[in-house]
Amino acid sequence: MPELPEVETIARELRPLVRDAVVAEVWTDWPRAIRHPDPAAFGAGLVGRRIVDVARRAKWLVLTLDGGAMLVIQVKMTGQLLVVDAAAPRDRHVHVAWRLADGRELRLRDTRKFARVGLYRAGEDGLPLDADETGALFAGHGPEPLEPSFTLGDFRRRLRARRGRLKPLLLDQAFLAGVGNIYADEALWRARLHPLRGAASLRRPDEARLFAAIRGVLTEAIERRGSSTTPRRRATARCRSTWTSTSAPACRAIAAGGRSAASSWVAAARTSARGASACRGASGRRRWSGSCGPPGRMPGVAGCGTSCRSARAP
């Protein structure tokens, strides 16, 4: 699933291609891709509008149009945006197309039909309003982690107001916008914090490391134009990824909030001098209980008071 860096990359590369282009016609063979309004109103509301800018909010592309309208696109797992000659044949996976007045066509190609688009009215803050125009479309999303106005102090206040484990918290779009499975794993690894550690257990240095790691990982990923090399890149490859040393320890996949999290802390805890004791539950999964590791051996994990449960090899 594309996350903040991938969607930001799409926005930056799409912007110079379609800025100032005028929509002449809208076509679709998959009406369910249109989230709002109905397909007929969607097409009628776009024809004749000029694309003013292309930006990103969370994991969504936001195209600002003249006349106070905004086109939002969520590419999701397999969506691709292509700008081609309008005369070029569309393959069977192109499900929405915007013909431009200059003879080109912006196409949404999606093999799994998960992508969604919508046309909304712009609010006074320059962001799209929801379908009822009573609130912001992205009102349920948290702040952008790379915004200069989002400070360590802001991060600390949000973090201390929440409970639960770190990995599910970072995936919560109401906490931070745009962070997903891949970069949550990367940030936690860089900050030397276990995915299952409780957010309430973090000390000030832990908070500062995590804040810096989130921003650093996302910034580096944008510079590298994202890291989704296949439609279904698995985060469990992260211990040998471009972000870490090739000598990184072997991974173990652990369940965190219903999502897999790659971590080598689990493997390390098994052989630690004060390592966790292992037992086998009724489900057959290995479970680790007790300390996650000795103080000084595994920074960010030792003394966390959180059990390393539901751990198993990928």
Foldseek 3Di string as FASTA:
>chain_A
DAFDLQQQLVQVVCWVVAAFWAFAFKDFPDQVQEPDDGPVCQGVVRHGWGFHGWGDDFQKIWTDIPPQKIKIKRQPQFKDKDKAFPPDDDDPQFGMWTQTPVRIIITIGGPVSPMHMYMAGADPVRAGCDRVNPGGPVPQFDEALQDPVCDLVNLVVLLQVDWFFQLVQQCRRSSHGGDHQQLSLQLCVQLLADRRFISNLDDPSSSVSSSCSSNVSSVVCNVVSHDCPDSDDDSQCVQCDPSHDNPGDHWWWAAGPNHTHTDCLQVVLVPAPNRFDWDADPVRFIWTADASHDPPPRPNGGPSNGTRTRIGHD
